[in-house]
Structures are given as C-alpha cells and as structure tokens.
Amino acid sequence: ENEISGSKEKLKQNFDLSCEHFAYPFGDYSGRDMKYVKKAGYKSARTTDPGLNSSCSDRYQLKVIAMMPDNASKNMLCAQLSGLPLFFEYFFVRVKDRIKRLLEWFSKHGANINI
C-alpha cells in the first residue's frame, strides 16, 4: 500500500509532477492492489490484459491493445495504434457467433441452410 501511494508522492515532491493514473507493474494486480490504487487517489489503472475499453469498463482494470513485434512496419504500428485490427477481430468474432446462432435457430425450426 505504501509503495503505491508513496510513488505518487515522490513524483510530486521530486519532479513537481501530478500523477493521476497508475500502471500495474508487469500487469500483476489483484483486488487488494485495486483497493490501494483507489485509496491513493488515482483516477484509473492500466493492466496488461488485452482488449478494448468502453465507458462501462472498470477504470481500475483498463485493458490494452496488443502491439506487433518490434520489427513491424510503421504502417502496422499506425494500424495497431488506431485500434482497427482489434476492432475487426472483435467485429468478426461477434458476426460469426451471430451467424452460428441464426443457423442453429433455422435448423431447429426445420429450415435446411447450407453455407
């Protein structure tokens, strides 16, 4: 607990920097760590869990967009930073799941659809 709140205070004292957001070291965190981060007054905390965030996301369990290896091109880096690859992955997984459920529904109700 002291390490989490103390690091915020040290940044303020040594560099006159206000630190409002926290990143869990190495992505390791638990409910206890989240409680300490909230108690220290941080507005949010970032994990290393891959995924998208929305307005409904827990501010103390923010996900990240996984980046390509270091040898990727600048264009790939820009694409990754835009979030488009993750969006398309999410979109197509949802579409595939919905199509599967529709086909199951049609099959259950006597329709014979082959794709």
C-alpha atoms as a PDB file:
ATOM      1  CA  GLU A   1       0.000   0.000   0.000  1.00  0.00           C
ATOM      2  CA  ASN A   2       2.816   2.408   0.927  1.00  0.00           C
ATOM      3  CA  GLU A   3       4.629   1.634  -2.313  1.00  0.00           C
ATOM      4  CA  ILE A   4       1.581   2.577  -4.392  1.00  0.00           C
ATOM      5  CA  SER A   5       0.759   5.795  -2.547  1.00  0.00           C
ATOM      6  CA  GLY A   6       4.425   6.614  -1.875  1.00  0.00           C
ATOM      7  CA  SER A   7       5.412   6.533  -5.545  1.00  0.00           C
ATOM      8  CA  LYS A   8       2.721   9.099  -6.321  1.00  0.00           C
ATOM      9  CA  GLU A   9       4.003  11.384  -3.553  1.00  0.00           C
ATOM     10  CA  LYS A  10       7.641  11.005  -4.653  1.00  0.00           C
ATOM     11  CA  LEU A  11       6.827  12.058  -8.212  1.00  0.00           C
ATOM     12  CA  LYS A  12       5.100  15.154  -6.884  1.00  0.00           C
ATOM     13  CA  GLN A  13       7.927  16.033  -4.495  1.00  0.00           C
ATOM     14  CA  ASN A  14      10.925  15.263  -6.723  1.00  0.00           C
ATOM     15  CA  PHE A  15       9.654  16.388 -10.122  1.00  0.00           C
ATOM     16  CA  ASP A  16       6.592  18.519  -9.338  1.00  0.00           C
ATOM     17  CA  LEU A  17       4.524  16.087 -11.398  1.00  0.00           C
ATOM     18  CA  SER A  18       0.911  15.259 -10.696  1.00  0.00           C
ATOM     19  CA  CYS A  19       0.264  11.560 -11.278  1.00  0.00           C
ATOM     20  CA  GLU A  20      -3.412  10.695 -11.723  1.00  0.00           C
ATOM     21  CA  HIS A  21      -3.217   7.301 -13.430  1.00  0.00           C
ATOM     22  CA  PHE A  22      -1.482   4.077 -12.434  1.00  0.00           C
ATOM     23  CA  ALA A  23       0.005   1.166 -14.398  1.00  0.00           C
ATOM     24  CA  TYR A  24       0.270  -2.148 -12.549  1.00  0.00           C
ATOM     25  CA  PRO A  25       3.926  -3.261 -12.602  1.00  0.00           C
ATOM     26  CA  PHE A  26       4.292  -6.161 -15.055  1.00  0.00           C
ATOM     27  CA  GLY A  27       0.480  -6.230 -15.254  1.00  0.00           C
ATOM     28  CA  ASP A  28       0.230  -8.066 -11.939  1.00  0.00           C
ATOM     29  CA  TYR A  29      -2.725  -6.933  -9.861  1.00  0.00           C
ATOM     30  CA  SER A  30      -5.385  -8.220  -7.525  1.00  0.00           C
ATOM     31  CA  GLY A  31      -8.441  -6.860  -5.781  1.00  0.00           C
ATOM     32  CA  ARG A  32      -6.171  -5.757  -2.947  1.00  0.00           C
ATOM     33  CA  ASP A  33      -3.964  -3.778  -5.347  1.00  0.00           C
ATOM     34  CA  MET A  34      -7.008  -2.146  -6.921  1.00  0.00           C
ATOM     35  CA  LYS A  35      -8.208  -1.093  -3.456  1.00  0.00           C
ATOM     36  CA  TYR A  36      -4.809   0.504  -2.691  1.00  0.00           C
ATOM     37  CA  VAL A  37      -4.742   2.308  -6.048  1.00  0.00           C
ATOM     38  CA  LYS A  38      -8.213   3.752  -5.420  1.00  0.00           C
ATOM     39  CA  LYS A  39      -7.271   4.710  -1.850  1.00  0.00           C
ATOM     40  CA  ALA A  40      -4.140   6.516  -3.110  1.00  0.00           C
ATOM     41  CA  GLY A  41      -6.390   8.726  -5.244  1.00  0.00           C
ATOM     42  CA  TYR A  42      -5.549   7.501  -8.729  1.00  0.00           C
ATOM     43  CA  LYS A  43      -8.315   8.071 -11.301  1.00  0.00           C
ATOM     44  CA  SER A  44      -7.609   4.871 -13.249  1.00  0.00           C
ATOM     45  CA  ALA A  45      -5.203   1.958 -13.578  1.00  0.00           C
ATOM     46  CA  ARG A  46      -3.933   0.067 -16.619  1.00  0.00           C
ATOM     47  CA  THR A  47      -3.421  -3.674 -16.794  1.00  0.00           C
ATOM     48  CA  THR A  48      -1.645  -5.717 -19.466  1.00  0.00           C
ATOM     49  CA  ASP A  49      -4.865  -7.619 -20.218  1.00  0.00           C
ATOM     50  CA  PRO A  50      -5.588  -7.375 -23.953  1.00  0.00           C
ATOM     51  CA  GLY A  51      -8.877  -5.933 -25.134  1.00  0.00           C
ATOM     52  CA  LEU A  52     -10.997  -2.866 -25.700  1.00  0.00           C
ATOM     53  CA  ASN A  53     -12.339  -0.437 -23.136  1.00  0.00           C
ATOM     54  CA  SER A  54     -15.673   1.342 -23.125  1.00  0.00           C
ATOM     55  CA  SER A  55     -17.451   3.798 -20.874  1.00  0.00           C
ATOM     56  CA  CYS A  56     -18.640   0.734 -18.910  1.00  0.00           C
ATOM     57  CA  SER A  57     -15.113  -0.592 -18.303  1.00  0.00           C
ATOM     58  CA  ASP A  58     -13.777  -0.679 -14.767  1.00  0.00           C
ATOM     59  CA  ARG A  59     -11.417   2.320 -14.573  1.00  0.00           C
ATOM     60  CA  TYR A  60      -9.047   0.287 -12.408  1.00  0.00           C
ATOM     61  CA  GLN A  61      -8.830  -2.644 -14.851  1.00  0.00           C
ATOM     62  CA  LEU A  62      -8.246  -0.871 -18.161  1.00  0.00           C
ATOM     63  CA  LYS A  63      -7.171  -3.192 -20.951  1.00  0.00           C
ATOM     64  CA  VAL A  64      -4.516  -2.580 -23.607  1.00  0.00           C
ATOM     65  CA  ILE A  65      -4.223  -3.153 -27.324  1.00  0.00           C
ATOM     66  CA  ALA A  66      -1.528  -5.734 -28.032  1.00  0.00           C
ATOM     67  CA  MET A  67       1.228  -4.423 -30.291  1.00  0.00           C
ATOM     68  CA  MET A  68       3.024  -6.197 -33.088  1.00  0.00           C
ATOM     69  CA  PRO A  69       6.648  -7.338 -32.694  1.00  0.00           C
ATOM     70  CA  ASP A  70       9.360  -4.667 -32.774  1.00  0.00           C
ATOM     71  CA  ASN A  71      10.223  -5.440 -36.380  1.00  0.00           C
ATOM     72  CA  ALA A  72       6.775  -4.413 -37.676  1.00  0.00           C
ATOM     73  CA  SER A  73       6.492  -1.590 -40.182  1.00  0.00           C
ATOM     74  CA  LYS A  74       5.449   1.955 -39.329  1.00  0.00           C
ATOM     75  CA  ASN A  75       2.195   1.335 -41.187  1.00  0.00           C
ATOM     76  CA  MET A  76       1.445  -1.686 -38.992  1.00  0.00           C
ATOM     77  CA  LEU A  77       2.274   0.327 -35.899  1.00  0.00           C
ATOM     78  CA  CYS A  78      -0.144   3.064 -37.002  1.00  0.00           C
ATOM     79  CA  ALA A  79      -2.823   0.460 -37.718  1.00  0.00           C
ATOM     80  CA  GLN A  80      -2.312  -1.107 -34.290  1.00  0.00           C
ATOM     81  CA  LEU A  81      -2.470   2.273 -32.551  1.00  0.00           C
ATOM     82  CA  SER A  82      -5.712   3.094 -34.359  1.00  0.00           C
ATOM     83  CA  GLY A  83      -7.331   0.014 -32.811  1.00  0.00           C
ATOM     84  CA  LEU A  84      -8.653  -1.189 -36.175  1.00  0.00           C
ATOM     85  CA  PRO A  85      -7.159  -4.710 -36.088  1.00  0.00           C
ATOM     86  CA  LEU A  86      -8.656  -5.370 -32.670  1.00  0.00           C
ATOM     87  CA  PHE A  87     -11.966  -3.822 -33.735  1.00  0.00           C
ATOM     88  CA  PHE A  88     -12.140  -6.075 -36.814  1.00  0.00           C
ATOM     89  CA  GLU A  89     -11.216  -9.132 -34.763  1.00  0.00           C
ATOM     90  CA  TYR A  90     -13.955  -8.289 -32.245  1.00  0.00           C
ATOM     91  CA  PHE A  91     -16.468  -7.479 -35.003  1.00  0.00           C
ATOM     92  CA  PHE A  92     -15.877 -10.673 -36.978  1.00  0.00           C
ATOM     93  CA  VAL A  93     -15.981 -12.875 -33.878  1.00  0.00           C
ATOM     94  CA  ARG A  94     -19.367 -11.348 -32.985  1.00  0.00           C
ATOM     95  CA  VAL A  95     -20.669 -11.687 -36.546  1.00  0.00           C
ATOM     96  CA  LYS A  96     -19.512 -15.309 -36.727  1.00  0.00           C
ATOM     97  CA  ASP A  97     -21.211 -16.039 -33.391  1.00  0.00           C
ATOM     98  CA  ARG A  98     -24.476 -14.422 -34.516  1.00  0.00           C
ATOM     99  CA  ILE A  99     -24.478 -16.286 -37.823  1.00  0.00           C
ATOM    100  CA  LYS A 100     -23.889 -19.540 -35.965  1.00  0.00           C
ATOM    101  CA  ARG A 101     -26.847 -18.809 -33.654  1.00  0.00           C
ATOM    102  CA  LEU A 102     -29.060 -17.897 -36.627  1.00  0.00           C
ATOM    103  CA  LEU A 103     -28.177 -21.123 -38.425  1.00  0.00           C
ATOM    104  CA  GLU A 104     -28.904 -23.098 -35.258  1.00  0.00           C
ATOM    105  CA  TRP A 105     -32.276 -21.338 -34.932  1.00  0.00           C
ATOM    106  CA  PHE A 106     -33.205 -22.046 -38.565  1.00  0.00           C
ATOM    107  CA  SER A 107     -32.109 -25.662 -38.214  1.00  0.00           C
ATOM    108  CA  LYS A 108     -34.173 -26.032 -35.052  1.00  0.00           C
ATOM    109  CA  HIS A 109     -37.227 -24.673 -36.877  1.00  0.00           C
ATOM    110  CA  GLY A 110     -36.930 -27.004 -39.862  1.00  0.00           C
ATOM    111  CA  ALA A 111     -35.015 -24.861 -42.357  1.00  0.00           C
ATOM    112  CA  ASN A 112     -32.155 -26.566 -44.209  1.00  0.00           C
ATOM    113  CA  ILE A 113     -29.467 -23.942 -44.944  1.00  0.00           C
ATOM    114  CA  ASN A 114     -26.031 -24.943 -46.181  1.00  0.00           C
ATOM    115  CA  ILE A 115     -23.180 -22.474 -46.442  1.00  0.00           C
END
